[in-house]
């Protein structure tokens, strides 16, 4: 009986206790389910309070890995050098220094956010979390800038860009202790857009806000003109089932929904509801804030757009306008990114 009791005890240990130890020692992920670990940005305490550090889940050594779309090479470069190339590519050097500083912080935050969220590479460019194209952030080397601009551009504007980046070195934006994804665009047309209406994601810091002082932007207003036949031909190519002609245009195209900022969210083409972005892409419009006018007598279609870009986050021309009115970079960033704070990455 004693042997049976010992045997039973051994069986219990093998079948119950050991598996329990194993289960509590490992994290099991259901098959097919991905877990995205997003490191938080946390404040240091005591004498270093106000600085920010990434926790142990992401090791930041001051450099960033970037996939160069022009030569298909992966580059590892100091993040501050990278940010200088982004600011020079993304914002006119003529802009006010405070607008350039705001762009530098937004670009730095965006780069780190991508590095954290896609440590193994972005699905659209698995070589690295960032690319040098407009898919992420445009980036240009000094040689490329010299070839792109007039001879005196580097002398006039590169020192200004360096100052904007160097004076904000390591500064990033965060919301509720996490780095944000600070989207930006050229020109909002007077009001930015809520991320939910464009990308179907709800980001509390990417809310629609007024964006004054943009009237100097070259693409604040734009006009696309084509004939009624060209317009109908493009629509039929995209939506072949639509019974649409230049004679019934006014009856077949209906506005369904606008966003609070005035952009076209949904249209109906012969009863089929489509997204305003589809029309923007089809006719290569500057934004989804557009109006379509048709004159049957002249057979001319005019599509007038306001703003340039997706409209979410910081308007670059709005930032420049605010800077010229005396606002500093922190005021600009906190205006366009609701509820954010500035922090310093070590």
C-alpha atoms as a PDB file:
ATOM      1  CA  UNK A   1       0.000   0.000   0.000  1.00  0.00           C
ATOM      2  CA  UNK A   2       2.871   2.345   0.836  1.00  0.00           C
ATOM      3  CA  UNK A   3       4.342   1.719  -2.640  1.00  0.00           C
ATOM      4  CA  UNK A   4       0.988   2.474  -4.250  1.00  0.00           C
ATOM      5  CA  UNK A   5       0.738   5.716  -2.277  1.00  0.00           C
ATOM      6  CA  UNK A   6       4.232   6.782  -3.361  1.00  0.00           C
ATOM      7  CA  UNK A   7       3.436   5.877  -6.966  1.00  0.00           C
ATOM      8  CA  UNK A   8       0.205   7.875  -6.821  1.00  0.00           C
ATOM      9  CA  UNK A   9       2.065  10.868  -5.399  1.00  0.00           C
ATOM     10  CA  UNK A  10       4.644  10.705  -8.202  1.00  0.00           C
ATOM     11  CA  UNK A  11       1.873  10.561 -10.816  1.00  0.00           C
ATOM     12  CA  UNK A  12       0.183  13.602  -9.256  1.00  0.00           C
ATOM     13  CA  UNK A  13       3.438  15.569  -9.320  1.00  0.00           C
ATOM     14  CA  UNK A  14       4.037  14.690 -12.971  1.00  0.00           C
ATOM     15  CA  UNK A  15       0.469  15.369 -14.180  1.00  0.00           C
ATOM     16  CA  UNK A  16      -0.444  18.395 -12.083  1.00  0.00           C
ATOM     17  CA  UNK A  17       2.373  20.260 -10.429  1.00  0.00           C
ATOM     18  CA  UNK A  18       5.047  20.157 -13.137  1.00  0.00           C
ATOM     19  CA  UNK A  19       2.687  21.330 -15.943  1.00  0.00           C
ATOM     20  CA  UNK A  20       1.520  24.117 -13.623  1.00  0.00           C
ATOM     21  CA  UNK A  21       5.119  25.276 -13.185  1.00  0.00           C
ATOM     22  CA  UNK A  22       5.666  25.149 -16.962  1.00  0.00           C
ATOM     23  CA  UNK A  23       2.479  27.074 -17.769  1.00  0.00           C
ATOM     24  CA  UNK A  24       3.268  29.831 -15.293  1.00  0.00           C
ATOM     25  CA  UNK A  25       6.808  30.109 -16.632  1.00  0.00           C
ATOM     26  CA  UNK A  26       5.884  30.916 -20.245  1.00  0.00           C
ATOM     27  CA  UNK A  27       3.541  33.286 -22.052  1.00  0.00           C
ATOM     28  CA  UNK A  28       1.429  31.417 -24.543  1.00  0.00           C
ATOM     29  CA  UNK A  29       0.005  33.224 -27.574  1.00  0.00           C
ATOM     30  CA  UNK A  30      -2.988  31.680 -29.361  1.00  0.00           C
ATOM     31  CA  UNK A  31      -2.022  30.488 -32.823  1.00  0.00           C
ATOM     32  CA  UNK A  32      -2.644  33.116 -35.474  1.00  0.00           C
ATOM     33  CA  UNK A  33      -2.872  36.000 -32.995  1.00  0.00           C
ATOM     34  CA  UNK A  34      -0.186  38.676 -33.074  1.00  0.00           C
ATOM     35  CA  UNK A  35       0.797  40.678 -30.049  1.00  0.00           C
ATOM     36  CA  UNK A  36       2.183  44.156 -30.720  1.00  0.00           C
ATOM     37  CA  UNK A  37       4.300  45.288 -27.795  1.00  0.00           C
ATOM     38  CA  UNK A  38       4.361  49.083 -27.662  1.00  0.00           C
ATOM     39  CA  UNK A  39       6.969  50.466 -25.281  1.00  0.00           C
ATOM     40  CA  UNK A  40       5.878  53.412 -23.223  1.00  0.00           C
ATOM     41  CA  UNK A  41       7.701  56.644 -22.755  1.00  0.00           C
ATOM     42  CA  UNK A  42       8.185  57.111 -19.032  1.00  0.00           C
ATOM     43  CA  UNK A  43       9.360  60.025 -16.922  1.00  0.00           C
ATOM     44  CA  UNK A  44      12.555  59.788 -14.940  1.00  0.00           C
ATOM     45  CA  UNK A  45      12.246  60.654 -11.311  1.00  0.00           C
ATOM     46  CA  UNK A  46      14.022  63.121  -9.041  1.00  0.00           C
ATOM     47  CA  UNK A  47      16.841  65.197 -10.549  1.00  0.00           C
ATOM     48  CA  UNK A  48      16.178  63.981 -14.097  1.00  0.00           C
ATOM     49  CA  UNK A  49      12.449  64.595 -13.951  1.00  0.00           C
ATOM     50  CA  UNK A  50      11.182  65.965 -17.220  1.00  0.00           C
ATOM     51  CA  UNK A  51      13.390  63.709 -19.324  1.00  0.00           C
ATOM     52  CA  UNK A  52      11.875  60.711 -21.046  1.00  0.00           C
ATOM     53  CA  UNK A  53      13.306  57.265 -21.608  1.00  0.00           C
ATOM     54  CA  UNK A  54      12.059  54.289 -23.556  1.00  0.00           C
ATOM     55  CA  UNK A  55      11.524  51.311 -21.324  1.00  0.00           C
ATOM     56  CA  UNK A  56      13.480  48.070 -21.640  1.00  0.00           C
ATOM     57  CA  UNK A  57      11.303  46.688 -24.418  1.00  0.00           C
ATOM     58  CA  UNK A  58      12.950  48.988 -26.982  1.00  0.00           C
ATOM     59  CA  UNK A  59      16.657  49.771 -26.995  1.00  0.00           C
ATOM     60  CA  UNK A  60      17.356  53.183 -28.496  1.00  0.00           C
ATOM     61  CA  UNK A  61      21.032  53.885 -29.136  1.00  0.00           C
ATOM     62  CA  UNK A  62      20.608  57.247 -30.829  1.00  0.00           C
ATOM     63  CA  UNK A  63      20.412  55.853 -34.357  1.00  0.00           C
ATOM     64  CA  UNK A  64      17.610  54.920 -36.711  1.00  0.00           C
ATOM     65  CA  UNK A  65      17.385  52.284 -39.471  1.00  0.00           C
ATOM     66  CA  UNK A  66      16.015  53.556 -42.786  1.00  0.00           C
ATOM     67  CA  UNK A  67      15.318  51.891 -46.130  1.00  0.00           C
ATOM     68  CA  UNK A  68      16.420  54.139 -48.998  1.00  0.00           C
ATOM     69  CA  UNK A  69      13.827  53.749 -51.738  1.00  0.00           C
ATOM     70  CA  UNK A  70      16.121  55.333 -54.334  1.00  0.00           C
ATOM     71  CA  UNK A  71      19.068  52.958 -54.074  1.00  0.00           C
ATOM     72  CA  UNK A  72      17.318  50.068 -52.246  1.00  0.00           C
ATOM     73  CA  UNK A  73      19.898  50.198 -49.461  1.00  0.00           C
ATOM     74  CA  UNK A  74      19.340  49.980 -45.707  1.00  0.00           C
ATOM     75  CA  UNK A  75      21.061  52.750 -43.782  1.00  0.00           C
ATOM     76  CA  UNK A  76      21.747  53.088 -40.074  1.00  0.00           C
ATOM     77  CA  UNK A  77      22.246  56.740 -39.198  1.00  0.00           C
ATOM     78  CA  UNK A  78      22.155  59.034 -36.175  1.00  0.00           C
ATOM     79  CA  UNK A  79      18.565  60.100 -35.686  1.00  0.00           C
ATOM     80  CA  UNK A  80      19.442  63.797 -35.550  1.00  0.00           C
ATOM     81  CA  UNK A  81      21.148  63.585 -38.961  1.00  0.00           C
ATOM     82  CA  UNK A  82      18.106  61.764 -40.290  1.00  0.00           C
ATOM     83  CA  UNK A  83      15.761  64.442 -38.922  1.00  0.00           C
ATOM     84  CA  UNK A  84      17.752  67.186 -40.668  1.00  0.00           C
ATOM     85  CA  UNK A  85      17.289  65.402 -43.992  1.00  0.00           C
ATOM     86  CA  UNK A  86      13.568  64.991 -43.318  1.00  0.00           C
ATOM     87  CA  UNK A  87      12.987  68.630 -42.353  1.00  0.00           C
ATOM     88  CA  UNK A  88      14.861  69.769 -45.470  1.00  0.00           C
ATOM     89  CA  UNK A  89      12.754  67.453 -47.655  1.00  0.00           C
ATOM     90  CA  UNK A  90       9.383  67.981 -45.988  1.00  0.00           C
ATOM     91  CA  UNK A  91       9.294  71.736 -45.257  1.00  0.00           C
ATOM     92  CA  UNK A  92      10.484  74.760 -47.259  1.00  0.00           C
ATOM     93  CA  UNK A  93      13.713  76.188 -45.873  1.00  0.00           C
ATOM     94  CA  UNK A  94      12.182  79.659 -46.211  1.00  0.00           C
ATOM     95  CA  UNK A  95       9.737  78.869 -43.398  1.00  0.00           C
ATOM     96  CA  UNK A  96       9.980  80.517 -40.000  1.00  0.00           C
ATOM     97  CA  UNK A  97      12.485  78.904 -37.625  1.00  0.00           C
ATOM     98  CA  UNK A  98       9.724  78.042 -35.112  1.00  0.00           C
ATOM     99  CA  UNK A  99       7.808  76.145 -37.808  1.00  0.00           C
ATOM    100  CA  UNK A 100      11.001  74.263 -38.702  1.00  0.00           C
ATOM    101  CA  UNK A 101      11.483  73.375 -35.032  1.00  0.00           C
ATOM    102  CA  UNK A 102       7.911  72.049 -34.861  1.00  0.00           C
ATOM    103  CA  UNK A 103       8.590  69.968 -37.967  1.00  0.00           C
ATOM    104  CA  UNK A 104      11.821  68.621 -36.463  1.00  0.00           C
ATOM    105  CA  UNK A 105      10.049  67.408 -33.314  1.00  0.00           C
ATOM    106  CA  UNK A 106       7.170  65.908 -35.287  1.00  0.00           C
ATOM    107  CA  UNK A 107       9.589  64.125 -37.646  1.00  0.00           C
ATOM    108  CA  UNK A 108      11.736  62.801 -34.787  1.00  0.00           C
ATOM    109  CA  UNK A 109       8.679  61.522 -32.926  1.00  0.00           C
ATOM    110  CA  UNK A 110       7.308  59.898 -36.070  1.00  0.00           C
ATOM    111  CA  UNK A 111      10.609  58.116 -36.716  1.00  0.00           C
ATOM    112  CA  UNK A 112      10.825  56.712 -33.189  1.00  0.00           C
ATOM    113  CA  UNK A 113       7.169  55.712 -33.259  1.00  0.00           C
ATOM    114  CA  UNK A 114       7.773  53.717 -36.437  1.00  0.00           C
ATOM    115  CA  UNK A 115      10.921  52.135 -35.030  1.00  0.00           C
ATOM    116  CA  UNK A 116       9.015  50.985 -31.949  1.00  0.00           C
ATOM    117  CA  UNK A 117       5.926  49.723 -33.734  1.00  0.00           C
ATOM    118  CA  UNK A 118       7.782  47.964 -36.587  1.00  0.00           C
ATOM    119  CA  UNK A 119      11.067  46.695 -35.103  1.00  0.00           C
ATOM    120  CA  UNK A 120      11.280  43.913 -37.723  1.00  0.00           C
ATOM    121  CA  UNK A 121      10.469  46.230 -40.625  1.00  0.00           C
ATOM    122  CA  UNK A 122       7.268  47.750 -41.976  1.00  0.00           C
ATOM    123  CA  UNK A 123       5.001  45.403 -43.991  1.00  0.00           C
ATOM    124  CA  UNK A 124       5.367  47.690 -47.023  1.00  0.00           C
ATOM    125  CA  UNK A 125       9.176  47.711 -46.750  1.00  0.00           C
ATOM    126  CA  UNK A 126      10.301  44.847 -44.561  1.00  0.00           C
ATOM    127  CA  UNK A 127      13.927  45.927 -44.759  1.00  0.00           C
ATOM    128  CA  UNK A 128      13.392  48.683 -42.157  1.00  0.00           C
ATOM    129  CA  UNK A 129      10.684  50.403 -40.097  1.00  0.00           C
ATOM    130  CA  UNK A 130      11.160  53.641 -42.063  1.00  0.00           C
ATOM    131  CA  UNK A 131      11.650  54.489 -45.717  1.00  0.00           C
ATOM    132  CA  UNK A 132      12.847  57.638 -47.456  1.00  0.00           C
ATOM    133  CA  UNK A 133       9.705  57.994 -49.586  1.00  0.00           C
ATOM    134  CA  UNK A 134       6.404  59.745 -48.940  1.00  0.00           C
ATOM    135  CA  UNK A 135       5.026  56.448 -47.630  1.00  0.00           C
ATOM    136  CA  UNK A 136       6.770  57.403 -44.368  1.00  0.00           C
ATOM    137  CA  UNK A 137       8.661  60.691 -44.406  1.00  0.00           C
ATOM    138  CA  UNK A 138      10.548  62.187 -47.307  1.00  0.00           C
ATOM    139  CA  UNK A 139      14.294  62.289 -46.677  1.00  0.00           C
ATOM    140  CA  UNK A 140      17.096  63.837 -48.748  1.00  0.00           C
ATOM    141  CA  UNK A 141      20.852  63.671 -48.351  1.00  0.00           C
ATOM    142  CA  UNK A 142      23.038  66.770 -48.583  1.00  0.00           C
ATOM    143  CA  UNK A 143      24.133  65.746 -52.090  1.00  0.00           C
ATOM    144  CA  UNK A 144      20.519  65.325 -53.167  1.00  0.00           C
ATOM    145  CA  UNK A 145      19.602  68.706 -51.699  1.00  0.00           C
ATOM    146  CA  UNK A 146      22.484  70.379 -53.529  1.00  0.00           C
ATOM    147  CA  UNK A 147      21.375  68.823 -56.831  1.00  0.00           C
ATOM    148  CA  UNK A 148      17.728  69.691 -56.244  1.00  0.00           C
ATOM    149  CA  UNK A 149      18.054  73.352 -55.254  1.00  0.00           C
ATOM    150  CA  UNK A 150      19.740  76.473 -56.558  1.00  0.00           C
ATOM    151  CA  UNK A 151      23.439  76.967 -55.804  1.00  0.00           C
ATOM    152  CA  UNK A 152      22.903  79.316 -52.863  1.00  0.00           C
ATOM    153  CA  UNK A 153      20.189  77.192 -51.176  1.00  0.00           C
ATOM    154  CA  UNK A 154      22.588  75.317 -48.899  1.00  0.00           C
ATOM    155  CA  UNK A 155      24.279  78.513 -47.749  1.00  0.00           C
ATOM    156  CA  UNK A 156      20.976  80.260 -47.086  1.00  0.00           C
ATOM    157  CA  UNK A 157      18.847  77.530 -45.554  1.00  0.00           C
ATOM    158  CA  UNK A 158      20.891  74.534 -44.375  1.00  0.00           C
ATOM    159  CA  UNK A 159      22.295  76.342 -41.304  1.00  0.00           C
ATOM    160  CA  UNK A 160      18.739  77.325 -40.400  1.00  0.00           C
ATOM    161  CA  UNK A 161      17.557  73.717 -40.651  1.00  0.00           C
ATOM    162  CA  UNK A 162      20.519  72.564 -38.570  1.00  0.00           C
ATOM    163  CA  UNK A 163      19.651  75.139 -35.926  1.00  0.00           C
ATOM    164  CA  UNK A 164      16.017  73.989 -35.842  1.00  0.00           C
ATOM    165  CA  UNK A 165      17.059  70.360 -35.314  1.00  0.00           C
ATOM    166  CA  UNK A 166      19.978  70.970 -32.962  1.00  0.00           C
ATOM    167  CA  UNK A 167      18.011  73.344 -30.723  1.00  0.00           C
ATOM    168  CA  UNK A 168      15.281  70.708 -30.262  1.00  0.00           C
ATOM    169  CA  UNK A 169      17.641  67.743 -30.021  1.00  0.00           C
ATOM    170  CA  UNK A 170      15.962  64.667 -28.552  1.00  0.00           C
ATOM    171  CA  UNK A 171      12.587  66.336 -28.054  1.00  0.00           C
ATOM    172  CA  UNK A 172       9.517  64.232 -28.836  1.00  0.00           C
ATOM    173  CA  UNK A 173       5.754  64.325 -28.387  1.00  0.00           C
ATOM    174  CA  UNK A 174       3.815  61.937 -26.190  1.00  0.00           C
ATOM    175  CA  UNK A 175       0.233  61.403 -25.066  1.00  0.00           C
ATOM    176  CA  UNK A 176      -0.558  59.490 -21.878  1.00  0.00           C
ATOM    177  CA  UNK A 177       3.100  58.446 -21.559  1.00  0.00           C
ATOM    178  CA  UNK A 178       3.289  56.964 -25.065  1.00  0.00           C
ATOM    179  CA  UNK A 179       4.938  58.367 -28.165  1.00  0.00           C
ATOM    180  CA  UNK A 180       2.366  59.622 -30.629  1.00  0.00           C
ATOM    181  CA  UNK A 181       2.266  59.149 -34.388  1.00  0.00           C
ATOM    182  CA  UNK A 182       2.349  62.822 -35.396  1.00  0.00           C
ATOM    183  CA  UNK A 183       0.876  62.936 -38.876  1.00  0.00           C
ATOM    184  CA  UNK A 184       1.239  66.153 -40.833  1.00  0.00           C
ATOM    185  CA  UNK A 185       0.358  67.580 -44.225  1.00  0.00           C
ATOM    186  CA  UNK A 186       0.974  70.628 -46.377  1.00  0.00           C
ATOM    187  CA  UNK A 187      -2.210  72.709 -46.198  1.00  0.00           C
ATOM    188  CA  UNK A 188      -5.456  72.035 -44.362  1.00  0.00           C
ATOM    189  CA  UNK A 189      -7.533  74.726 -46.029  1.00  0.00           C
ATOM    190  CA  UNK A 190      -8.558  76.359 -42.759  1.00  0.00           C
ATOM    191  CA  UNK A 191      -9.369  73.337 -40.601  1.00  0.00           C
ATOM    192  CA  UNK A 192      -7.587  70.039 -40.037  1.00  0.00           C
ATOM    193  CA  UNK A 193      -9.366  66.700 -40.141  1.00  0.00           C
ATOM    194  CA  UNK A 194     -10.099  64.109 -37.481  1.00  0.00           C
ATOM    195  CA  UNK A 195      -8.075  60.929 -38.064  1.00  0.00           C
ATOM    196  CA  UNK A 196     -11.225  58.863 -37.647  1.00  0.00           C
ATOM    197  CA  UNK A 197     -12.733  60.403 -40.788  1.00  0.00           C
ATOM    198  CA  UNK A 198      -9.677  59.710 -42.935  1.00  0.00           C
ATOM    199  CA  UNK A 199      -7.949  56.591 -41.658  1.00  0.00           C
ATOM    200  CA  UNK A 200     -10.759  55.045 -39.586  1.00  0.00           C
ATOM    201  CA  UNK A 201      -8.548  55.136 -36.486  1.00  0.00           C
ATOM    202  CA  UNK A 202      -9.440  57.031 -33.357  1.00  0.00           C
ATOM    203  CA  UNK A 203      -6.434  58.931 -32.055  1.00  0.00           C
ATOM    204  CA  UNK A 204      -7.322  61.448 -29.309  1.00  0.00           C
ATOM    205  CA  UNK A 205      -4.405  63.688 -30.272  1.00  0.00           C
ATOM    206  CA  UNK A 206      -5.399  63.786 -33.967  1.00  0.00           C
ATOM    207  CA  UNK A 207      -8.579  65.820 -33.689  1.00  0.00           C
ATOM    208  CA  UNK A 208      -9.919  68.443 -36.062  1.00  0.00           C
ATOM    209  CA  UNK A 209      -8.775  71.982 -35.140  1.00  0.00           C
ATOM    210  CA  UNK A 210      -8.879  75.361 -36.828  1.00  0.00           C
ATOM    211  CA  UNK A 211      -5.836  76.183 -38.916  1.00  0.00           C
ATOM    212  CA  UNK A 212      -5.674  79.891 -39.735  1.00  0.00           C
ATOM    213  CA  UNK A 213      -3.022  81.851 -41.641  1.00  0.00           C
ATOM    214  CA  UNK A 214      -2.759  79.444 -44.578  1.00  0.00           C
ATOM    215  CA  UNK A 215      -3.835  81.784 -47.367  1.00  0.00           C
ATOM    216  CA  UNK A 216      -0.246  82.198 -48.611  1.00  0.00           C
ATOM    217  CA  UNK A 217       0.002  78.469 -49.362  1.00  0.00           C
ATOM    218  CA  UNK A 218       0.366  77.894 -53.130  1.00  0.00           C
ATOM    219  CA  UNK A 219      -2.159  75.051 -53.012  1.00  0.00           C
ATOM    220  CA  UNK A 220      -4.657  76.638 -50.653  1.00  0.00           C
ATOM    221  CA  UNK A 221      -7.045  76.632 -53.632  1.00  0.00           C
ATOM    222  CA  UNK A 222      -6.698  74.680 -56.854  1.00  0.00           C
ATOM    223  CA  UNK A 223      -8.810  73.947 -59.911  1.00  0.00           C
ATOM    224  CA  UNK A 224      -8.973  70.829 -62.089  1.00  0.00           C
ATOM    225  CA  UNK A 225     -10.788  71.345 -65.414  1.00  0.00           C
ATOM    226  CA  UNK A 226     -11.850  68.675 -67.891  1.00  0.00           C
ATOM    227  CA  UNK A 227     -14.619  68.038 -70.367  1.00  0.00           C
ATOM    228  CA  UNK A 228     -17.814  66.275 -69.442  1.00  0.00           C
ATOM    229  CA  UNK A 229     -16.790  63.395 -71.725  1.00  0.00           C
ATOM    230  CA  UNK A 230     -13.438  62.990 -69.956  1.00  0.00           C
ATOM    231  CA  UNK A 231     -15.116  63.118 -66.563  1.00  0.00           C
ATOM    232  CA  UNK A 232     -17.687  60.457 -67.487  1.00  0.00           C
ATOM    233  CA  UNK A 233     -15.036  58.259 -69.114  1.00  0.00           C
ATOM    234  CA  UNK A 234     -12.964  58.217 -65.923  1.00  0.00           C
ATOM    235  CA  UNK A 235     -16.002  57.451 -63.776  1.00  0.00           C
ATOM    236  CA  UNK A 236     -17.069  54.590 -66.055  1.00  0.00           C
ATOM    237  CA  UNK A 237     -13.561  53.177 -66.005  1.00  0.00           C
ATOM    238  CA  UNK A 238     -13.608  53.114 -62.223  1.00  0.00           C
ATOM    239  CA  UNK A 239     -17.290  52.186 -61.778  1.00  0.00           C
ATOM    240  CA  UNK A 240     -18.324  50.250 -64.914  1.00  0.00           C
ATOM    241  CA  UNK A 241     -21.752  49.339 -63.553  1.00  0.00           C
ATOM    242  CA  UNK A 242     -22.746  52.992 -63.092  1.00  0.00           C
ATOM    243  CA  UNK A 243     -25.322  54.205 -65.619  1.00  0.00           C
ATOM    244  CA  UNK A 244     -23.858  57.668 -65.993  1.00  0.00           C
ATOM    245  CA  UNK A 245     -23.646  60.074 -68.938  1.00  0.00           C
ATOM    246  CA  UNK A 246     -22.856  63.746 -69.253  1.00  0.00           C
ATOM    247  CA  UNK A 247     -26.598  64.351 -69.716  1.00  0.00           C
ATOM    248  CA  UNK A 248     -27.562  62.805 -66.346  1.00  0.00           C
ATOM    249  CA  UNK A 249     -24.539  63.849 -64.254  1.00  0.00           C
ATOM    250  CA  UNK A 250     -26.510  66.087 -61.920  1.00  0.00           C
ATOM    251  CA  UNK A 251     -28.961  63.289 -61.136  1.00  0.00           C
ATOM    252  CA  UNK A 252     -26.414  60.498 -60.792  1.00  0.00           C
ATOM    253  CA  UNK A 253     -23.852  62.162 -58.493  1.00  0.00           C
ATOM    254  CA  UNK A 254     -25.111  62.999 -55.013  1.00  0.00           C
ATOM    255  CA  UNK A 255     -23.416  64.212 -51.848  1.00  0.00           C
ATOM    256  CA  UNK A 256     -24.045  61.748 -49.021  1.00  0.00           C
ATOM    257  CA  UNK A 257     -21.886  62.994 -46.157  1.00  0.00           C
ATOM    258  CA  UNK A 258     -19.364  65.691 -45.330  1.00  0.00           C
ATOM    259  CA  UNK A 259     -17.008  65.759 -42.376  1.00  0.00           C
ATOM    260  CA  UNK A 260     -17.293  68.655 -39.889  1.00  0.00           C
ATOM    261  CA  UNK A 261     -14.242  70.245 -41.545  1.00  0.00           C
ATOM    262  CA  UNK A 262     -16.027  70.373 -44.905  1.00  0.00           C
ATOM    263  CA  UNK A 263     -14.320  67.459 -46.648  1.00  0.00           C
ATOM    264  CA  UNK A 264     -16.262  64.988 -48.753  1.00  0.00           C
ATOM    265  CA  UNK A 265     -16.629  61.782 -46.781  1.00  0.00           C
ATOM    266  CA  UNK A 266     -19.133  59.928 -48.972  1.00  0.00           C
ATOM    267  CA  UNK A 267     -20.659  60.362 -52.406  1.00  0.00           C
ATOM    268  CA  UNK A 268     -23.257  58.324 -54.287  1.00  0.00           C
ATOM    269  CA  UNK A 269     -22.483  57.437 -57.909  1.00  0.00           C
ATOM    270  CA  UNK A 270     -25.679  56.148 -59.508  1.00  0.00           C
ATOM    271  CA  UNK A 271     -26.842  54.950 -56.111  1.00  0.00           C
ATOM    272  CA  UNK A 272     -23.559  53.317 -55.086  1.00  0.00           C
ATOM    273  CA  UNK A 273     -21.996  54.990 -52.051  1.00  0.00           C
ATOM    274  CA  UNK A 274     -18.248  55.560 -52.338  1.00  0.00           C
ATOM    275  CA  UNK A 275     -15.560  57.205 -50.241  1.00  0.00           C
ATOM    276  CA  UNK A 276     -14.493  60.736 -51.072  1.00  0.00           C
ATOM    277  CA  UNK A 277     -10.867  59.546 -51.176  1.00  0.00           C
ATOM    278  CA  UNK A 278     -11.708  57.429 -54.217  1.00  0.00           C
ATOM    279  CA  UNK A 279     -12.683  60.522 -56.206  1.00  0.00           C
ATOM    280  CA  UNK A 280      -9.593  62.339 -54.968  1.00  0.00           C
ATOM    281  CA  UNK A 281      -7.368  59.522 -56.222  1.00  0.00           C
ATOM    282  CA  UNK A 282      -9.267  59.087 -59.482  1.00  0.00           C
ATOM    283  CA  UNK A 283      -8.958  62.732 -60.515  1.00  0.00           C
ATOM    284  CA  UNK A 284      -5.635  63.357 -58.701  1.00  0.00           C
ATOM    285  CA  UNK A 285      -7.113  66.089 -56.527  1.00  0.00           C
ATOM    286  CA  UNK A 286      -5.148  67.927 -53.852  1.00  0.00           C
ATOM    287  CA  UNK A 287      -7.603  66.993 -51.100  1.00  0.00           C
ATOM    288  CA  UNK A 288     -11.071  65.605 -50.388  1.00  0.00           C
ATOM    289  CA  UNK A 289     -12.334  69.128 -49.758  1.00  0.00           C
ATOM    290  CA  UNK A 290     -13.694  69.630 -53.259  1.00  0.00           C
ATOM    291  CA  UNK A 291     -16.660  70.964 -55.225  1.00  0.00           C
ATOM    292  CA  UNK A 292     -17.734  69.664 -58.635  1.00  0.00           C
ATOM    293  CA  UNK A 293     -19.420  72.064 -61.077  1.00  0.00           C
ATOM    294  CA  UNK A 294     -20.699  71.210 -64.556  1.00  0.00           C
ATOM    295  CA  UNK A 295     -21.690  73.634 -67.311  1.00  0.00           C
ATOM    296  CA  UNK A 296     -23.740  71.714 -69.928  1.00  0.00           C
ATOM    297  CA  UNK A 297     -23.468  74.585 -72.419  1.00  0.00           C
ATOM    298  CA  UNK A 298     -19.671  74.477 -72.515  1.00  0.00           C
ATOM    299  CA  UNK A 299     -19.413  70.779 -71.552  1.00  0.00           C
ATOM    300  CA  UNK A 300     -16.817  71.725 -68.924  1.00  0.00           C
ATOM    301  CA  UNK A 301     -16.344  70.184 -65.468  1.00  0.00           C
ATOM    302  CA  UNK A 302     -14.579  72.249 -62.808  1.00  0.00           C
ATOM    303  CA  UNK A 303     -13.372  70.563 -59.618  1.00  0.00           C
ATOM    304  CA  UNK A 304     -12.247  73.141 -57.077  1.00  0.00           C
ATOM    305  CA  UNK A 305     -10.194  71.894 -54.132  1.00  0.00           C
ATOM    306  CA  UNK A 306      -9.259  73.557 -50.856  1.00  0.00           C
ATOM    307  CA  UNK A 307      -6.106  72.455 -49.047  1.00  0.00           C
ATOM    308  CA  UNK A 308      -3.440  69.929 -49.939  1.00  0.00           C
ATOM    309  CA  UNK A 309      -2.959  66.524 -48.331  1.00  0.00           C
ATOM    310  CA  UNK A 310      -4.968  64.268 -46.045  1.00  0.00           C
ATOM    311  CA  UNK A 311      -5.574  67.094 -43.578  1.00  0.00           C
ATOM    312  CA  UNK A 312      -4.743  65.129 -40.412  1.00  0.00           C
ATOM    313  CA  UNK A 313      -2.402  66.506 -37.756  1.00  0.00           C
ATOM    314  CA  UNK A 314      -0.156  69.500 -38.268  1.00  0.00           C
ATOM    315  CA  UNK A 315      -0.638  71.761 -41.248  1.00  0.00           C
ATOM    316  CA  UNK A 316       2.833  72.858 -42.337  1.00  0.00           C
ATOM    317  CA  UNK A 317       1.633  76.103 -43.880  1.00  0.00           C
ATOM    318  CA  UNK A 318      -0.560  76.671 -40.848  1.00  0.00           C
ATOM    319  CA  UNK A 319       2.465  76.118 -38.613  1.00  0.00           C
ATOM    320  CA  UNK A 320       4.416  78.689 -40.608  1.00  0.00           C
ATOM    321  CA  UNK A 321       1.524  81.127 -40.367  1.00  0.00           C
ATOM    322  CA  UNK A 322       1.309  80.666 -36.605  1.00  0.00           C
ATOM    323  CA  UNK A 323       5.076  81.141 -36.274  1.00  0.00           C
ATOM    324  CA  UNK A 324       4.953  84.373 -38.263  1.00  0.00           C
ATOM    325  CA  UNK A 325       2.262  85.574 -35.841  1.00  0.00           C
ATOM    326  CA  UNK A 326       4.663  85.102 -32.924  1.00  0.00           C
ATOM    327  CA  UNK A 327       3.870  81.563 -31.744  1.00  0.00           C
ATOM    328  CA  UNK A 328       6.739  79.298 -30.707  1.00  0.00           C
ATOM    329  CA  UNK A 329       7.154  75.663 -31.719  1.00  0.00           C
ATOM    330  CA  UNK A 330       5.607  74.281 -28.522  1.00  0.00           C
ATOM    331  CA  UNK A 331       2.454  76.364 -28.976  1.00  0.00           C
ATOM    332  CA  UNK A 332       2.226  75.224 -32.591  1.00  0.00           C
ATOM    333  CA  UNK A 333       2.604  71.538 -31.738  1.00  0.00           C
ATOM    334  CA  UNK A 334       0.129  71.633 -28.871  1.00  0.00           C
ATOM    335  CA  UNK A 335      -2.384  73.390 -31.121  1.00  0.00           C
ATOM    336  CA  UNK A 336      -2.287  70.755 -33.827  1.00  0.00           C
ATOM    337  CA  UNK A 337      -1.827  67.692 -31.587  1.00  0.00           C
ATOM    338  CA  UNK A 338      -4.528  67.754 -28.935  1.00  0.00           C
ATOM    339  CA  UNK A 339      -3.481  67.035 -25.369  1.00  0.00           C
ATOM    340  CA  UNK A 340       0.161  66.177 -26.075  1.00  0.00           C
ATOM    341  CA  UNK A 341       3.255  66.907 -23.996  1.00  0.00           C
ATOM    342  CA  UNK A 342       6.850  67.533 -24.914  1.00  0.00           C
ATOM    343  CA  UNK A 343       9.526  65.251 -23.529  1.00  0.00           C
ATOM    344  CA  UNK A 344      13.229  64.623 -23.933  1.00  0.00           C
ATOM    345  CA  UNK A 345      14.483  61.210 -25.045  1.00  0.00           C
ATOM    346  CA  UNK A 346      17.790  60.152 -23.462  1.00  0.00           C
END
